[in-house]
Each structure stands twice: as structure tokens, then as C-alpha cells.
Amino acid sequence: MDSDLAVRALGALAHESRLAVFRLLIEAGPAGLAAGVISDALGVAPSALSFHLKDLVHSDMASMRYEGRKIFYAAKFETMNALIGYLQANCCQGVACAIDSEPVCCP
């Protein structure tokens, strides 16, 4: 992951509503959730939610797909894992440390 993508991803997560959406999408797993379900679960107005989801998709932290008239959103685990790896790269100044070098979530 390059620093530009890391900054966009961190910026997208640096808002309370977007962080809540992303955490909900992580819980939902690869299948994701319909936008209406996300709105109901978090109590976020659809217009505000649309703005936040667009930012998560733009930062590559989430993906969207259409199923009929519904839009489903899912967390992009590969981007999340790449961000975690980017943040912990060289965490021990090149010396082996106790942190796994390959973060894995929901393989």
C-alpha cells in the first residue's frame, strides 16, 4: 500500500459515522449489507449515509454491488489488511517482533 492510499483510507475512517459503518460492514463479512439495513442499524439518515458510503468506496475501504434495485456494501478486507500491514511495517525497526507480519481477518 502506498502512502496516498493509506491517507485516503485513514481519512475515510476518521469520522464517527464512517467508522461505525465500516465496523458494521466488518461484522457482516464478505456478503455485506444493503444500504437500508445499514441506515436502520445505525440510525443514520439515508442522505447522510449515502455520503459516508461514497467516501468509504472512494477510499477503497468498501465495495458496492447492485442486486436488483438494492445496493449492497461490503468491507474490503484486503484493503483493511494492507492498511494494517502498512501501519505496522518496520514497527520494530527491522528486528523481528511479536506482531504477525501478515495481518489476516476473515480469510
N, C-alpha and C. Protein backbone atom coordinates (compact mmCIF):
# COMPACT_ATOMS: atom_id res chain seq x y z
N MET A 1 0.86 -1.17 0.00
CA MET A 1 0.00 0.00 0.00
C MET A 1 0.90 1.23 0.00
N ASP A 2 0.55 2.20 -0.84
CA ASP A 2 1.34 3.43 -0.86
C ASP A 2 0.74 4.43 0.12
N SER A 3 1.50 5.47 0.41
CA SER A 3 1.09 6.42 1.44
C SER A 3 -0.18 7.19 1.04
N ASP A 4 -0.37 7.43 -0.27
CA ASP A 4 -1.57 8.15 -0.71
C ASP A 4 -2.83 7.36 -0.37
N LEU A 5 -2.83 6.06 -0.66
CA LEU A 5 -3.99 5.22 -0.35
C LEU A 5 -4.18 5.10 1.16
N ALA A 6 -3.08 5.02 1.90
CA ALA A 6 -3.18 4.93 3.36
C ALA A 6 -3.82 6.20 3.93
N VAL A 7 -3.44 7.35 3.42
CA VAL A 7 -4.02 8.61 3.89
C VAL A 7 -5.50 8.68 3.56
N ARG A 8 -5.89 8.26 2.35
CA ARG A 8 -7.31 8.25 1.98
C ARG A 8 -8.10 7.29 2.86
N ALA A 9 -7.54 6.11 3.14
CA ALA A 9 -8.24 5.13 3.97
C ALA A 9 -8.39 5.64 5.40
N LEU A 10 -7.32 6.18 5.96
CA LEU A 10 -7.39 6.70 7.32
C LEU A 10 -8.34 7.90 7.40
N GLY A 11 -8.32 8.73 6.36
CA GLY A 11 -9.24 9.88 6.33
C GLY A 11 -10.69 9.43 6.29
N ALA A 12 -10.96 8.38 5.54
CA ALA A 12 -12.34 7.87 5.47
C ALA A 12 -12.79 7.32 6.81
N LEU A 13 -11.89 6.72 7.54
CA LEU A 13 -12.25 6.14 8.84
C LEU A 13 -12.23 7.17 9.97
N ALA A 14 -11.75 8.38 9.68
CA ALA A 14 -11.60 9.40 10.71
C ALA A 14 -12.88 10.21 10.92
N HIS A 15 -14.00 9.56 10.83
CA HIS A 15 -15.30 10.18 11.10
C HIS A 15 -16.14 9.17 11.84
N GLU A 16 -16.82 9.60 12.87
CA GLU A 16 -17.56 8.68 13.73
C GLU A 16 -18.56 7.83 12.96
N SER A 17 -19.32 8.43 12.07
CA SER A 17 -20.33 7.67 11.31
C SER A 17 -19.70 6.68 10.35
N ARG A 18 -18.65 7.12 9.63
CA ARG A 18 -18.00 6.21 8.68
C ARG A 18 -17.31 5.07 9.41
N LEU A 19 -16.73 5.35 10.56
CA LEU A 19 -16.10 4.28 11.34
C LEU A 19 -17.16 3.29 11.80
N ALA A 20 -18.31 3.77 12.23
CA ALA A 20 -19.41 2.89 12.65
C ALA A 20 -19.89 2.04 11.48
N VAL A 21 -20.02 2.65 10.30
CA VAL A 21 -20.44 1.90 9.11
C VAL A 21 -19.42 0.82 8.80
N PHE A 22 -18.15 1.19 8.80
CA PHE A 22 -17.10 0.23 8.46
C PHE A 22 -17.07 -0.92 9.44
N ARG A 23 -17.21 -0.64 10.72
CA ARG A 23 -17.23 -1.72 11.72
C ARG A 23 -18.43 -2.63 11.51
N LEU A 24 -19.56 -2.06 11.15
CA LEU A 24 -20.76 -2.87 10.86
C LEU A 24 -20.52 -3.75 9.64
N LEU A 25 -19.87 -3.20 8.62
CA LEU A 25 -19.57 -3.98 7.43
C LEU A 25 -18.57 -5.10 7.72
N ILE A 26 -17.63 -4.84 8.61
CA ILE A 26 -16.68 -5.89 9.02
C ILE A 26 -17.45 -7.03 9.68
N GLU A 27 -18.39 -6.70 10.55
CA GLU A 27 -19.20 -7.73 11.22
C GLU A 27 -20.03 -8.52 10.22
N ALA A 28 -20.51 -7.86 9.18
CA ALA A 28 -21.37 -8.52 8.19
C ALA A 28 -20.60 -9.51 7.33
N GLY A 29 -19.30 -9.32 7.21
CA GLY A 29 -18.49 -10.22 6.40
C GLY A 29 -18.56 -9.89 4.92
N PRO A 30 -18.03 -10.79 4.09
CA PRO A 30 -17.92 -10.53 2.65
C PRO A 30 -19.25 -10.31 1.94
N ALA A 31 -20.34 -10.84 2.46
CA ALA A 31 -21.65 -10.66 1.81
C ALA A 31 -22.12 -9.21 1.90
N GLY A 32 -21.69 -8.50 2.92
CA GLY A 32 -22.07 -7.11 3.08
C GLY A 32 -23.51 -6.92 3.51
N LEU A 33 -23.96 -5.69 3.42
CA LEU A 33 -25.31 -5.32 3.85
C LEU A 33 -25.93 -4.35 2.85
N ALA A 34 -27.25 -4.41 2.74
CA ALA A 34 -27.97 -3.43 1.92
C ALA A 34 -27.91 -2.07 2.60
N ALA A 35 -27.92 -1.02 1.82
CA ALA A 35 -27.84 0.34 2.36
C ALA A 35 -28.95 0.60 3.37
N GLY A 36 -30.14 0.13 3.10
CA GLY A 36 -31.27 0.34 4.02
C GLY A 36 -31.06 -0.33 5.36
N VAL A 37 -30.44 -1.50 5.34
CA VAL A 37 -30.14 -2.21 6.58
C VAL A 37 -29.11 -1.43 7.40
N ILE A 38 -28.12 -0.90 6.72
CA ILE A 38 -27.09 -0.10 7.41
C ILE A 38 -27.73 1.13 8.04
N SER A 39 -28.58 1.81 7.28
CA SER A 39 -29.26 3.00 7.76
C SER A 39 -30.08 2.70 9.00
N ASP A 40 -30.85 1.62 8.96
CA ASP A 40 -31.68 1.24 10.10
C ASP A 40 -30.84 0.85 11.31
N ALA A 41 -29.77 0.09 11.07
CA ALA A 41 -28.94 -0.41 12.17
C ALA A 41 -28.23 0.73 12.91
N LEU A 42 -27.82 1.75 12.18
CA LEU A 42 -27.05 2.83 12.79
C LEU A 42 -27.87 4.09 13.06
N GLY A 43 -29.09 4.12 12.57
CA GLY A 43 -29.93 5.30 12.77
C GLY A 43 -29.40 6.51 12.04
N VAL A 44 -28.81 6.29 10.87
CA VAL A 44 -28.28 7.38 10.06
C VAL A 44 -29.25 7.63 8.91
N ALA A 45 -29.58 8.88 8.66
CA ALA A 45 -30.49 9.23 7.57
C ALA A 45 -29.91 8.76 6.24
N PRO A 46 -30.74 8.26 5.34
CA PRO A 46 -30.25 7.76 4.05
C PRO A 46 -29.38 8.75 3.28
N SER A 47 -29.72 10.02 3.30
CA SER A 47 -28.92 11.01 2.56
C SER A 47 -27.52 11.15 3.17
N ALA A 48 -27.43 11.16 4.48
CA ALA A 48 -26.12 11.23 5.14
C ALA A 48 -25.35 9.94 4.93
N LEU A 49 -26.05 8.81 5.01
CA LEU A 49 -25.40 7.52 4.83
C LEU A 49 -24.80 7.41 3.43
N SER A 50 -25.53 7.87 2.44
CA SER A 50 -25.04 7.83 1.06
C SER A 50 -23.70 8.54 0.93
N PHE A 51 -23.60 9.71 1.56
CA PHE A 51 -22.36 10.48 1.56
C PHE A 51 -21.21 9.68 2.19
N HIS A 52 -21.47 9.07 3.33
CA HIS A 52 -20.43 8.32 4.04
C HIS A 52 -20.03 7.06 3.28
N LEU A 53 -21.00 6.36 2.71
CA LEU A 53 -20.69 5.16 1.94
C LEU A 53 -19.86 5.50 0.71
N LYS A 54 -20.19 6.62 0.05
CA LYS A 54 -19.42 7.04 -1.12
C LYS A 54 -17.96 7.28 -0.74
N ASP A 55 -17.74 7.87 0.41
CA ASP A 55 -16.37 8.13 0.87
C ASP A 55 -15.64 6.82 1.16
N LEU A 56 -16.31 5.86 1.77
CA LEU A 56 -15.67 4.57 2.04
C LEU A 56 -15.33 3.83 0.74
N VAL A 57 -16.22 3.90 -0.24
CA VAL A 57 -15.95 3.26 -1.53
C VAL A 57 -14.81 3.97 -2.24
N HIS A 58 -14.82 5.30 -2.24
CA HIS A 58 -13.77 6.09 -2.89
C HIS A 58 -12.39 5.80 -2.29
N SER A 59 -12.35 5.55 -0.99
CA SER A 59 -11.07 5.28 -0.32
C SER A 59 -10.67 3.82 -0.44
N ASP A 60 -11.47 3.01 -1.13
CA ASP A 60 -11.23 1.58 -1.35
C ASP A 60 -11.37 0.75 -0.07
N MET A 61 -12.03 1.30 0.94
CA MET A 61 -12.27 0.55 2.17
C MET A 61 -13.55 -0.27 2.07
N ALA A 62 -14.39 0.01 1.10
CA ALA A 62 -15.64 -0.73 0.91
C ALA A 62 -15.91 -0.87 -0.58
N SER A 63 -16.72 -1.85 -0.90
CA SER A 63 -17.15 -2.04 -2.29
C SER A 63 -18.67 -1.99 -2.32
N MET A 64 -19.20 -1.77 -3.52
CA MET A 64 -20.65 -1.76 -3.66
C MET A 64 -21.03 -2.64 -4.84
N ARG A 65 -22.23 -3.23 -4.73
CA ARG A 65 -22.75 -4.03 -5.84
C ARG A 65 -24.27 -3.87 -5.86
N TYR A 66 -24.82 -4.01 -7.05
CA TYR A 66 -26.26 -3.91 -7.22
C TYR A 66 -26.85 -5.31 -7.28
N GLU A 67 -27.95 -5.50 -6.57
CA GLU A 67 -28.75 -6.70 -6.68
C GLU A 67 -30.19 -6.23 -6.87
N GLY A 68 -30.61 -6.24 -8.11
CA GLY A 68 -31.92 -5.67 -8.43
C GLY A 68 -31.89 -4.18 -8.18
N ARG A 69 -32.82 -3.71 -7.37
CA ARG A 69 -32.88 -2.29 -7.05
C ARG A 69 -32.12 -1.93 -5.78
N LYS A 70 -31.58 -2.91 -5.11
CA LYS A 70 -30.85 -2.66 -3.86
C LYS A 70 -29.36 -2.54 -4.12
N ILE A 71 -28.74 -1.71 -3.30
CA ILE A 71 -27.28 -1.57 -3.34
C ILE A 71 -26.73 -2.18 -2.06
N PHE A 72 -25.79 -3.09 -2.23
CA PHE A 72 -25.13 -3.74 -1.10
C PHE A 72 -23.71 -3.21 -0.99
N TYR A 73 -23.28 -3.03 0.25
CA TYR A 73 -21.93 -2.57 0.53
C TYR A 73 -21.22 -3.62 1.37
N ALA A 74 -19.93 -3.78 1.12
CA ALA A 74 -19.13 -4.74 1.88
C ALA A 74 -17.77 -4.13 2.17
N ALA A 75 -17.23 -4.48 3.32
CA ALA A 75 -15.87 -4.04 3.66
C ALA A 75 -14.89 -4.73 2.73
N LYS A 76 -13.84 -4.03 2.36
CA LYS A 76 -12.78 -4.63 1.55
C LYS A 76 -11.67 -5.07 2.51
N PHE A 77 -11.73 -6.35 2.86
CA PHE A 77 -10.80 -6.89 3.83
C PHE A 77 -9.36 -6.81 3.35
N GLU A 78 -9.14 -6.93 2.04
CA GLU A 78 -7.77 -6.86 1.54
C GLU A 78 -7.19 -5.46 1.75
N THR A 79 -8.01 -4.43 1.59
CA THR A 79 -7.53 -3.06 1.83
C THR A 79 -7.30 -2.84 3.31
N MET A 80 -8.21 -3.34 4.15
CA MET A 80 -8.05 -3.20 5.60
C MET A 80 -6.76 -3.88 6.05
N ASN A 81 -6.52 -5.09 5.57
CA ASN A 81 -5.30 -5.81 5.95
C ASN A 81 -4.05 -5.12 5.43
N ALA A 82 -4.13 -4.56 4.22
CA ALA A 82 -2.99 -3.82 3.67
C ALA A 82 -2.71 -2.57 4.50
N LEU A 83 -3.76 -1.90 4.96
CA LEU A 83 -3.58 -0.72 5.80
C LEU A 83 -2.94 -1.09 7.13
N ILE A 84 -3.40 -2.15 7.73
CA ILE A 84 -2.80 -2.61 8.99
C ILE A 84 -1.34 -2.98 8.77
N GLY A 85 -1.06 -3.67 7.69
CA GLY A 85 0.33 -4.02 7.37
C GLY A 85 1.19 -2.78 7.14
N TYR A 86 0.63 -1.79 6.44
CA TYR A 86 1.35 -0.54 6.19
C TYR A 86 1.67 0.17 7.51
N LEU A 87 0.70 0.19 8.42
CA LEU A 87 0.90 0.88 9.69
C LEU A 87 1.92 0.19 10.59
N GLN A 88 1.99 -1.13 10.49
CA GLN A 88 2.91 -1.82 11.38
C GLN A 88 4.23 -2.19 10.70
N ALA A 89 4.42 -1.80 9.45
CA ALA A 89 5.68 -2.07 8.77
C ALA A 89 6.82 -1.38 9.53
N ASN A 90 7.85 -2.08 9.73
CA ASN A 90 9.04 -1.57 10.42
C ASN A 90 8.74 -1.15 11.85
N CYS A 91 7.73 -1.79 12.46
CA CYS A 91 7.34 -1.39 13.81
C CYS A 91 8.44 -1.65 14.83
N CYS A 92 9.31 -2.58 14.54
CA CYS A 92 10.38 -2.90 15.49
C CYS A 92 11.74 -2.58 14.90
N GLN A 93 11.78 -1.62 14.02
CA GLN A 93 13.00 -1.14 13.39
C GLN A 93 13.81 -2.26 12.76
N GLY A 94 13.10 -3.16 12.05
CA GLY A 94 13.77 -4.23 11.33
C GLY A 94 14.05 -5.47 12.15
N VAL A 95 13.84 -5.42 13.45
CA VAL A 95 14.06 -6.57 14.31
C VAL A 95 12.76 -7.35 14.41
N ALA A 96 12.84 -8.67 14.35
CA ALA A 96 11.63 -9.48 14.46
C ALA A 96 10.90 -9.14 15.76
N CYS A 97 9.59 -9.00 15.66
CA CYS A 97 8.81 -8.68 16.85
C CYS A 97 7.64 -9.64 16.97
N ALA A 98 6.89 -9.51 18.03
CA ALA A 98 5.80 -10.44 18.32
C ALA A 98 4.57 -10.22 17.44
N ILE A 99 4.49 -9.11 16.75
CA ILE A 99 3.33 -8.83 15.91
C ILE A 99 3.46 -9.61 14.61
N ASP A 100 2.39 -10.31 14.21
CA ASP A 100 2.40 -11.06 12.96
C ASP A 100 2.66 -10.10 11.80
N SER A 101 3.50 -10.53 10.86
CA SER A 101 3.80 -9.68 9.72
C SER A 101 2.68 -9.69 8.70
N GLU A 102 1.82 -10.68 8.72
CA GLU A 102 0.70 -10.76 7.80
C GLU A 102 -0.62 -10.72 8.55
N PRO A 103 -1.19 -9.54 8.74
CA PRO A 103 -2.48 -9.48 9.42
C PRO A 103 -3.55 -10.14 8.56
N VAL A 104 -4.35 -10.96 9.16
CA VAL A 104 -5.40 -11.65 8.42
C VAL A 104 -6.72 -11.53 9.18
N CYS A 105 -7.72 -11.17 8.46
CA CYS A 105 -9.07 -11.10 9.02
C CYS A 105 -10.01 -11.74 8.03
N CYS A 106 -10.78 -12.65 8.47
CA CYS A 106 -11.77 -13.32 7.62
C CYS A 106 -11.17 -13.79 6.30
N PRO A 107 -10.23 -14.74 6.34
CA PRO A 107 -9.56 -15.18 5.11
C PRO A 107 -10.52 -15.74 4.07
